[in-house]
Amino acid sequence: MRYIKLFMALLMVIVASGCTHKKANDATVIMETTAGTITLKLYDETPVHRDNFIELAGECYFDSLLFHRVISGFMIQGGDPDSKYAPAGVRLGEGGPDYRLNAEIRTPEIFHKRGALAAAREGDDVNPAKMSSPSQFYIVYGKVYTPRELESLRLKLQERTGREIKFTKEQIDTYTTIGGVPFLDGEYTVFGEVLEGLDVVEKIQNVECDEYDRPINDVRILNVRVETNK
């Protein structure tokens, strides 16, 4: 009887916390922030990143963390656990769990369009396999390119990398109408996208930041919850 009572008490704590593990398939993420609500879809095509994000969200890992790196016309980045209690002005971006995720880069089918959700990572010099940070993520804002600008960028990327770079018709149409960050394609794992709340992303990417790209006034993730279709 004593063990039954202990089990029931533990169950009540889990339910009350609101942090429970969800089934992986068809996952939608509701991210409440101090700037508004962002609704995200996690891709089934990147199951390692999808399931890891769901696992961390179920542990309330992201709750109270900051968007610690924000660059206007580029992206907003969060997920550093060191940001939860970080004093103003402290440089952030090095924190996270002590493991990495294998890359699931699906370019050109999945790319860095505006609203894309992607995993941050260390640079190629120490991370040639392009493995992802398990907790730090970014949401793309980027810019809308003219066809001429996009072609110029393609040629520069080709020259810099020494390999042939091609954009699909879908990439070209998207980058010249919706916008995004095409020069990140093939370099980072994109594992989801914004369904609702792109206006919130726009608001965040326009905030004033310090020399480390950290917002002067903290932009905080209040909570993250995962909803799934049954």
C-alpha atoms as a PDB file:
ATOM      1  CA  MET A   1       0.000   0.000   0.000  1.00  0.00           C
ATOM      2  CA  ARG A   2       2.863   2.354   0.834  1.00  0.00           C
ATOM      3  CA  TYR A   3       4.385   1.846  -2.628  1.00  0.00           C
ATOM      4  CA  ILE A   4       1.036   2.490  -4.308  1.00  0.00           C
ATOM      5  CA  LYS A   5       0.719   5.794  -2.465  1.00  0.00           C
ATOM      6  CA  LEU A   6       4.246   6.783  -3.475  1.00  0.00           C
ATOM      7  CA  PHE A   7       3.504   5.939  -7.107  1.00  0.00           C
ATOM      8  CA  MET A   8       0.280   7.966  -7.076  1.00  0.00           C
ATOM      9  CA  ALA A   9       2.057  10.930  -5.502  1.00  0.00           C
ATOM     10  CA  LEU A  10       4.764  10.825  -8.164  1.00  0.00           C
ATOM     11  CA  LEU A  11       2.143  10.599 -10.905  1.00  0.00           C
ATOM     12  CA  MET A  12       0.349  13.658  -9.550  1.00  0.00           C
ATOM     13  CA  VAL A  13       3.619  15.636  -9.548  1.00  0.00           C
ATOM     14  CA  ILE A  14       4.276  14.726 -13.196  1.00  0.00           C
ATOM     15  CA  VAL A  15       0.774  15.680 -14.290  1.00  0.00           C
ATOM     16  CA  ALA A  16       0.848  18.920 -12.333  1.00  0.00           C
ATOM     17  CA  SER A  17       4.166  19.946 -13.861  1.00  0.00           C
ATOM     18  CA  GLY A  18       2.783  19.789 -17.393  1.00  0.00           C
ATOM     19  CA  CYS A  19       6.071  18.261 -18.580  1.00  0.00           C
ATOM     20  CA  THR A  20       5.235  14.860 -19.999  1.00  0.00           C
ATOM     21  CA  HIS A  21       6.700  12.868 -22.847  1.00  0.00           C
ATOM     22  CA  LYS A  22       4.737  12.759 -26.096  1.00  0.00           C
ATOM     23  CA  LYS A  23       4.473  10.374 -28.990  1.00  0.00           C
ATOM     24  CA  ALA A  24       6.942  11.426 -31.672  1.00  0.00           C
ATOM     25  CA  ASN A  25       4.860  11.361 -34.856  1.00  0.00           C
ATOM     26  CA  ASP A  26       2.994  14.412 -36.162  1.00  0.00           C
ATOM     27  CA  ALA A  27       4.404  16.708 -33.486  1.00  0.00           C
ATOM     28  CA  THR A  28       3.414  20.368 -33.157  1.00  0.00           C
ATOM     29  CA  VAL A  29       5.291  22.587 -30.710  1.00  0.00           C
ATOM     30  CA  ILE A  30       3.690  25.535 -28.907  1.00  0.00           C
ATOM     31  CA  MET A  31       6.405  27.927 -27.735  1.00  0.00           C
ATOM     32  CA  GLU A  32       5.225  30.677 -25.424  1.00  0.00           C
ATOM     33  CA  THR A  33       7.642  33.611 -25.227  1.00  0.00           C
ATOM     34  CA  THR A  34       7.642  37.049 -23.666  1.00  0.00           C
ATOM     35  CA  ALA A  35       7.164  38.409 -27.199  1.00  0.00           C
ATOM     36  CA  GLY A  36       4.238  36.154 -28.107  1.00  0.00           C
ATOM     37  CA  THR A  37       3.442  32.597 -29.169  1.00  0.00           C
ATOM     38  CA  ILE A  38       5.253  30.651 -31.894  1.00  0.00           C
ATOM     39  CA  THR A  39       3.729  27.414 -33.200  1.00  0.00           C
ATOM     40  CA  LEU A  40       6.182  25.021 -34.846  1.00  0.00           C
ATOM     41  CA  LYS A  41       5.932  21.803 -36.823  1.00  0.00           C
ATOM     42  CA  LEU A  42       8.653  19.173 -36.341  1.00  0.00           C
ATOM     43  CA  TYR A  43       9.572  17.193 -39.450  1.00  0.00           C
ATOM     44  CA  ASP A  44       9.217  13.419 -39.526  1.00  0.00           C
ATOM     45  CA  GLU A  45      12.036  13.420 -42.124  1.00  0.00           C
ATOM     46  CA  THR A  46      14.496  14.328 -39.335  1.00  0.00           C
ATOM     47  CA  PRO A  47      13.465  11.848 -36.608  1.00  0.00           C
ATOM     48  CA  VAL A  48      16.603  12.119 -34.464  1.00  0.00           C
ATOM     49  CA  HIS A  49      16.242  15.883 -34.068  1.00  0.00           C
ATOM     50  CA  ARG A  50      12.441  15.662 -33.772  1.00  0.00           C
ATOM     51  CA  ASP A  51      12.529  13.067 -31.002  1.00  0.00           C
ATOM     52  CA  ASN A  52      15.355  14.823 -29.138  1.00  0.00           C
ATOM     53  CA  PHE A  53      13.451  18.134 -29.147  1.00  0.00           C
ATOM     54  CA  ILE A  54      10.313  16.383 -27.902  1.00  0.00           C
ATOM     55  CA  GLU A  55      12.317  14.680 -25.144  1.00  0.00           C
ATOM     56  CA  LEU A  56      13.834  17.950 -23.929  1.00  0.00           C
ATOM     57  CA  ALA A  57      10.493  19.760 -24.104  1.00  0.00           C
ATOM     58  CA  GLY A  58       8.959  16.957 -22.034  1.00  0.00           C
ATOM     59  CA  GLU A  59      11.583  17.632 -19.369  1.00  0.00           C
ATOM     60  CA  CYS A  60      10.751  21.384 -19.408  1.00  0.00           C
ATOM     61  CA  TYR A  61      14.332  21.937 -20.555  1.00  0.00           C
ATOM     62  CA  PHE A  62      13.564  25.045 -22.604  1.00  0.00           C
ATOM     63  CA  ASP A  63      11.348  26.750 -20.035  1.00  0.00           C
ATOM     64  CA  SER A  64      12.725  30.148 -18.919  1.00  0.00           C
ATOM     65  CA  LEU A  65      15.655  30.100 -21.349  1.00  0.00           C
ATOM     66  CA  LEU A  66      16.500  33.185 -23.408  1.00  0.00           C
ATOM     67  CA  PHE A  67      16.792  33.908 -27.064  1.00  0.00           C
ATOM     68  CA  HIS A  68      20.422  34.712 -26.391  1.00  0.00           C
ATOM     69  CA  ARG A  69      21.614  35.455 -29.946  1.00  0.00           C
ATOM     70  CA  VAL A  70      19.532  37.616 -32.258  1.00  0.00           C
ATOM     71  CA  ILE A  71      20.658  39.063 -35.585  1.00  0.00           C
ATOM     72  CA  SER A  72      18.297  41.268 -37.572  1.00  0.00           C
ATOM     73  CA  GLY A  73      17.628  39.976 -41.061  1.00  0.00           C
ATOM     74  CA  PHE A  74      19.124  36.616 -40.164  1.00  0.00           C
ATOM     75  CA  MET A  75      17.796  34.513 -37.264  1.00  0.00           C
ATOM     76  CA  ILE A  76      16.944  34.184 -33.571  1.00  0.00           C
ATOM     77  CA  GLN A  77      18.726  31.556 -31.448  1.00  0.00           C
ATOM     78  CA  GLY A  78      17.874  29.962 -28.084  1.00  0.00           C
ATOM     79  CA  GLY A  79      18.276  26.783 -26.091  1.00  0.00           C
ATOM     80  CA  ASP A  80      21.385  27.543 -24.023  1.00  0.00           C
ATOM     81  CA  PRO A  81      20.690  26.338 -20.447  1.00  0.00           C
ATOM     82  CA  ASP A  82      23.253  28.825 -19.118  1.00  0.00           C
ATOM     83  CA  SER A  83      20.892  31.618 -20.150  1.00  0.00           C
ATOM     84  CA  LYS A  84      18.231  30.817 -17.557  1.00  0.00           C
ATOM     85  CA  TYR A  85      19.821  32.860 -14.776  1.00  0.00           C
ATOM     86  CA  ALA A  86      22.411  34.807 -16.790  1.00  0.00           C
ATOM     87  CA  PRO A  87      23.035  38.394 -15.642  1.00  0.00           C
ATOM     88  CA  ALA A  88      22.688  41.167 -18.186  1.00  0.00           C
ATOM     89  CA  GLY A  89      25.611  41.559 -20.555  1.00  0.00           C
ATOM     90  CA  VAL A  90      27.016  38.053 -20.129  1.00  0.00           C
ATOM     91  CA  ARG A  91      27.990  36.358 -23.379  1.00  0.00           C
ATOM     92  CA  LEU A  92      26.095  33.110 -23.949  1.00  0.00           C
ATOM     93  CA  GLY A  93      25.987  30.244 -26.426  1.00  0.00           C
ATOM     94  CA  GLU A  94      28.285  27.536 -25.028  1.00  0.00           C
ATOM     95  CA  GLY A  95      25.828  25.568 -22.882  1.00  0.00           C
ATOM     96  CA  GLY A  96      23.933  22.353 -23.535  1.00  0.00           C
ATOM     97  CA  PRO A  97      23.758  18.620 -22.787  1.00  0.00           C
ATOM     98  CA  ASP A  98      26.975  16.585 -23.072  1.00  0.00           C
ATOM     99  CA  TYR A  99      26.081  14.790 -26.299  1.00  0.00           C
ATOM    100  CA  ARG A 100      25.640  15.679 -29.974  1.00  0.00           C
ATOM    101  CA  LEU A 101      23.142  14.668 -32.657  1.00  0.00           C
ATOM    102  CA  ASN A 102      24.149  13.159 -35.969  1.00  0.00           C
ATOM    103  CA  ALA A 103      23.421  15.510 -38.864  1.00  0.00           C
ATOM    104  CA  GLU A 104      20.158  14.976 -40.746  1.00  0.00           C
ATOM    105  CA  ILE A 105      20.708  17.479 -43.533  1.00  0.00           C
ATOM    106  CA  ARG A 106      18.033  17.009 -46.193  1.00  0.00           C
ATOM    107  CA  THR A 107      18.976  19.751 -48.669  1.00  0.00           C
ATOM    108  CA  PRO A 108      17.555  20.566 -51.182  1.00  0.00           C
ATOM    109  CA  GLU A 109      14.194  19.084 -50.121  1.00  0.00           C
ATOM    110  CA  ILE A 110      14.377  20.811 -46.727  1.00  0.00           C
ATOM    111  CA  PHE A 111      16.087  24.182 -46.672  1.00  0.00           C
ATOM    112  CA  HIS A 112      16.509  27.474 -44.812  1.00  0.00           C
ATOM    113  CA  LYS A 113      13.343  29.266 -45.844  1.00  0.00           C
ATOM    114  CA  ARG A 114      11.946  32.017 -43.624  1.00  0.00           C
ATOM    115  CA  GLY A 115      10.486  30.345 -40.539  1.00  0.00           C
ATOM    116  CA  ALA A 116      12.709  27.259 -40.715  1.00  0.00           C
ATOM    117  CA  LEU A 117      13.671  25.674 -37.380  1.00  0.00           C
ATOM    118  CA  ALA A 118      17.254  24.394 -37.360  1.00  0.00           C
ATOM    119  CA  ALA A 119      19.893  23.071 -34.964  1.00  0.00           C
ATOM    120  CA  ALA A 120      22.919  25.144 -34.043  1.00  0.00           C
ATOM    121  CA  ARG A 121      26.326  23.477 -34.054  1.00  0.00           C
ATOM    122  CA  GLU A 122      30.059  23.985 -33.619  1.00  0.00           C
ATOM    123  CA  GLY A 123      32.126  24.968 -36.647  1.00  0.00           C
ATOM    124  CA  ASP A 124      33.637  22.642 -39.226  1.00  0.00           C
ATOM    125  CA  ASP A 125      37.147  23.030 -37.785  1.00  0.00           C
ATOM    126  CA  VAL A 126      36.143  21.041 -34.687  1.00  0.00           C
ATOM    127  CA  ASN A 127      33.015  19.416 -36.094  1.00  0.00           C
ATOM    128  CA  PRO A 128      33.556  18.279 -39.701  1.00  0.00           C
ATOM    129  CA  ALA A 129      30.602  15.853 -39.475  1.00  0.00           C
ATOM    130  CA  LYS A 130      28.302  18.853 -38.847  1.00  0.00           C
ATOM    131  CA  MET A 131      26.819  17.235 -35.739  1.00  0.00           C
ATOM    132  CA  SER A 132      24.145  19.321 -34.023  1.00  0.00           C
ATOM    133  CA  SER A 133      23.809  20.807 -30.582  1.00  0.00           C
ATOM    134  CA  PRO A 134      21.030  18.855 -28.841  1.00  0.00           C
ATOM    135  CA  SER A 135      19.409  21.933 -27.297  1.00  0.00           C
ATOM    136  CA  GLN A 136      20.464  25.084 -29.118  1.00  0.00           C
ATOM    137  CA  PHE A 137      18.258  25.920 -32.071  1.00  0.00           C
ATOM    138  CA  TYR A 138      17.565  28.866 -34.322  1.00  0.00           C
ATOM    139  CA  ILE A 139      14.559  30.119 -36.255  1.00  0.00           C
ATOM    140  CA  VAL A 140      15.336  31.666 -39.649  1.00  0.00           C
ATOM    141  CA  TYR A 141      14.161  35.104 -40.674  1.00  0.00           C
ATOM    142  CA  GLY A 142      16.592  36.061 -43.429  1.00  0.00           C
ATOM    143  CA  LYS A 143      15.770  38.265 -46.399  1.00  0.00           C
ATOM    144  CA  VAL A 144      13.966  38.145 -49.730  1.00  0.00           C
ATOM    145  CA  TYR A 145      16.435  37.889 -52.622  1.00  0.00           C
ATOM    146  CA  THR A 146      16.068  39.130 -56.155  1.00  0.00           C
ATOM    147  CA  PRO A 147      16.835  36.467 -58.790  1.00  0.00           C
ATOM    148  CA  ARG A 148      20.048  38.314 -59.588  1.00  0.00           C
ATOM    149  CA  GLU A 149      21.133  38.412 -55.942  1.00  0.00           C
ATOM    150  CA  LEU A 150      20.428  34.722 -55.537  1.00  0.00           C
ATOM    151  CA  GLU A 151      22.441  33.831 -58.633  1.00  0.00           C
ATOM    152  CA  SER A 152      25.328  35.994 -57.436  1.00  0.00           C
ATOM    153  CA  LEU A 153      25.224  34.235 -54.069  1.00  0.00           C
ATOM    154  CA  ARG A 154      25.178  30.829 -55.769  1.00  0.00           C
ATOM    155  CA  LEU A 155      28.335  31.669 -57.726  1.00  0.00           C
ATOM    156  CA  LYS A 156      30.097  32.956 -54.605  1.00  0.00           C
ATOM    157  CA  LEU A 157      29.193  29.797 -52.682  1.00  0.00           C
ATOM    158  CA  GLN A 158      30.420  27.673 -55.557  1.00  0.00           C
ATOM    159  CA  GLU A 159      33.733  29.534 -55.644  1.00  0.00           C
ATOM    160  CA  ARG A 160      34.164  29.374 -51.869  1.00  0.00           C
ATOM    161  CA  THR A 161      33.342  25.685 -51.474  1.00  0.00           C
ATOM    162  CA  GLY A 162      34.897  24.392 -54.677  1.00  0.00           C
ATOM    163  CA  ARG A 163      31.815  22.328 -55.491  1.00  0.00           C
ATOM    164  CA  GLU A 164      28.878  22.829 -57.805  1.00  0.00           C
ATOM    165  CA  ILE A 165      25.970  24.631 -56.159  1.00  0.00           C
ATOM    166  CA  LYS A 166      22.484  24.409 -57.599  1.00  0.00           C
ATOM    167  CA  PHE A 167      19.184  25.737 -56.290  1.00  0.00           C
ATOM    168  CA  THR A 168      15.996  23.868 -57.121  1.00  0.00           C
ATOM    169  CA  LYS A 169      12.997  25.670 -58.562  1.00  0.00           C
ATOM    170  CA  GLU A 170      11.330  25.443 -55.145  1.00  0.00           C
ATOM    171  CA  GLN A 171      14.331  27.038 -53.462  1.00  0.00           C
ATOM    172  CA  ILE A 172      14.500  29.813 -56.054  1.00  0.00           C
ATOM    173  CA  ASP A 173      10.768  30.517 -55.844  1.00  0.00           C
ATOM    174  CA  THR A 174      10.862  30.533 -52.033  1.00  0.00           C
ATOM    175  CA  TYR A 175      13.983  32.649 -51.577  1.00  0.00           C
ATOM    176  CA  THR A 176      12.711  35.259 -54.080  1.00  0.00           C
ATOM    177  CA  THR A 177       9.208  35.527 -52.573  1.00  0.00           C
ATOM    178  CA  ILE A 178       9.163  34.400 -48.928  1.00  0.00           C
ATOM    179  CA  GLY A 179      12.847  34.774 -48.130  1.00  0.00           C
ATOM    180  CA  GLY A 180      15.327  32.925 -45.957  1.00  0.00           C
ATOM    181  CA  VAL A 181      19.040  32.206 -45.602  1.00  0.00           C
ATOM    182  CA  PRO A 182      20.197  30.149 -48.606  1.00  0.00           C
ATOM    183  CA  PHE A 183      23.894  30.200 -47.722  1.00  0.00           C
ATOM    184  CA  LEU A 184      23.196  27.921 -44.721  1.00  0.00           C
ATOM    185  CA  ASP A 185      21.731  25.158 -46.894  1.00  0.00           C
ATOM    186  CA  GLY A 186      23.692  21.929 -46.619  1.00  0.00           C
ATOM    187  CA  GLU A 187      25.523  23.159 -43.520  1.00  0.00           C
ATOM    188  CA  TYR A 188      22.987  22.785 -40.697  1.00  0.00           C
ATOM    189  CA  THR A 189      20.105  20.413 -39.986  1.00  0.00           C
ATOM    190  CA  VAL A 190      16.671  21.977 -40.544  1.00  0.00           C
ATOM    191  CA  PHE A 191      14.140  19.934 -38.566  1.00  0.00           C
ATOM    192  CA  GLY A 192      10.960  22.004 -38.499  1.00  0.00           C
ATOM    193  CA  GLU A 193       9.198  25.213 -39.443  1.00  0.00           C
ATOM    194  CA  VAL A 194       6.960  27.944 -38.060  1.00  0.00           C
ATOM    195  CA  LEU A 195       3.250  27.316 -38.615  1.00  0.00           C
ATOM    196  CA  GLU A 196       2.011  30.407 -36.777  1.00  0.00           C
ATOM    197  CA  GLY A 197       3.779  33.313 -35.118  1.00  0.00           C
ATOM    198  CA  LEU A 198       6.193  34.462 -37.800  1.00  0.00           C
ATOM    199  CA  ASP A 199       5.245  37.990 -36.738  1.00  0.00           C
ATOM    200  CA  VAL A 200       6.661  37.134 -33.303  1.00  0.00           C
ATOM    201  CA  VAL A 201       9.913  35.962 -34.906  1.00  0.00           C
ATOM    202  CA  GLU A 202      10.019  39.227 -36.858  1.00  0.00           C
ATOM    203  CA  LYS A 203       9.487  41.216 -33.663  1.00  0.00           C
ATOM    204  CA  ILE A 204      12.270  39.377 -31.839  1.00  0.00           C
ATOM    205  CA  GLN A 205      14.799  39.704 -34.679  1.00  0.00           C
ATOM    206  CA  ASN A 206      14.301  43.457 -34.612  1.00  0.00           C
ATOM    207  CA  VAL A 207      15.105  44.002 -30.912  1.00  0.00           C
ATOM    208  CA  GLU A 208      18.142  46.014 -29.854  1.00  0.00           C
ATOM    209  CA  CYS A 209      21.175  43.845 -29.033  1.00  0.00           C
ATOM    210  CA  ASP A 210      24.620  44.260 -27.474  1.00  0.00           C
ATOM    211  CA  GLU A 211      28.009  43.551 -29.062  1.00  0.00           C
ATOM    212  CA  TYR A 212      27.460  39.791 -28.540  1.00  0.00           C
ATOM    213  CA  ASP A 213      24.074  39.865 -30.353  1.00  0.00           C
ATOM    214  CA  ARG A 214      22.293  39.321 -27.050  1.00  0.00           C
ATOM    215  CA  PRO A 215      19.101  41.363 -26.671  1.00  0.00           C
ATOM    216  CA  ILE A 216      19.501  44.329 -24.310  1.00  0.00           C
ATOM    217  CA  ASN A 217      16.110  43.489 -22.819  1.00  0.00           C
ATOM    218  CA  ASP A 218      15.781  39.742 -22.311  1.00  0.00           C
ATOM    219  CA  VAL A 219      13.450  37.821 -24.623  1.00  0.00           C
ATOM    220  CA  ARG A 220      12.532  34.677 -22.719  1.00  0.00           C
ATOM    221  CA  ILE A 221      10.939  31.354 -23.632  1.00  0.00           C
ATOM    222  CA  LEU A 222       8.258  30.923 -20.986  1.00  0.00           C
ATOM    223  CA  ASN A 223       7.358  27.322 -21.785  1.00  0.00           C
ATOM    224  CA  VAL A 224       7.338  24.781 -24.585  1.00  0.00           C
ATOM    225  CA  ARG A 225       4.706  22.094 -24.970  1.00  0.00           C
ATOM    226  CA  VAL A 226       4.265  19.414 -27.591  1.00  0.00           C
ATOM    227  CA  GLU A 227       0.937  18.431 -29.102  1.00  0.00           C
ATOM    228  CA  THR A 228       0.504  15.311 -31.223  1.00  0.00           C
ATOM    229  CA  ASN A 229      -2.202  13.919 -33.468  1.00  0.00           C
ATOM    230  CA  LYS A 230      -3.560  10.548 -32.411  1.00  0.00           C
END
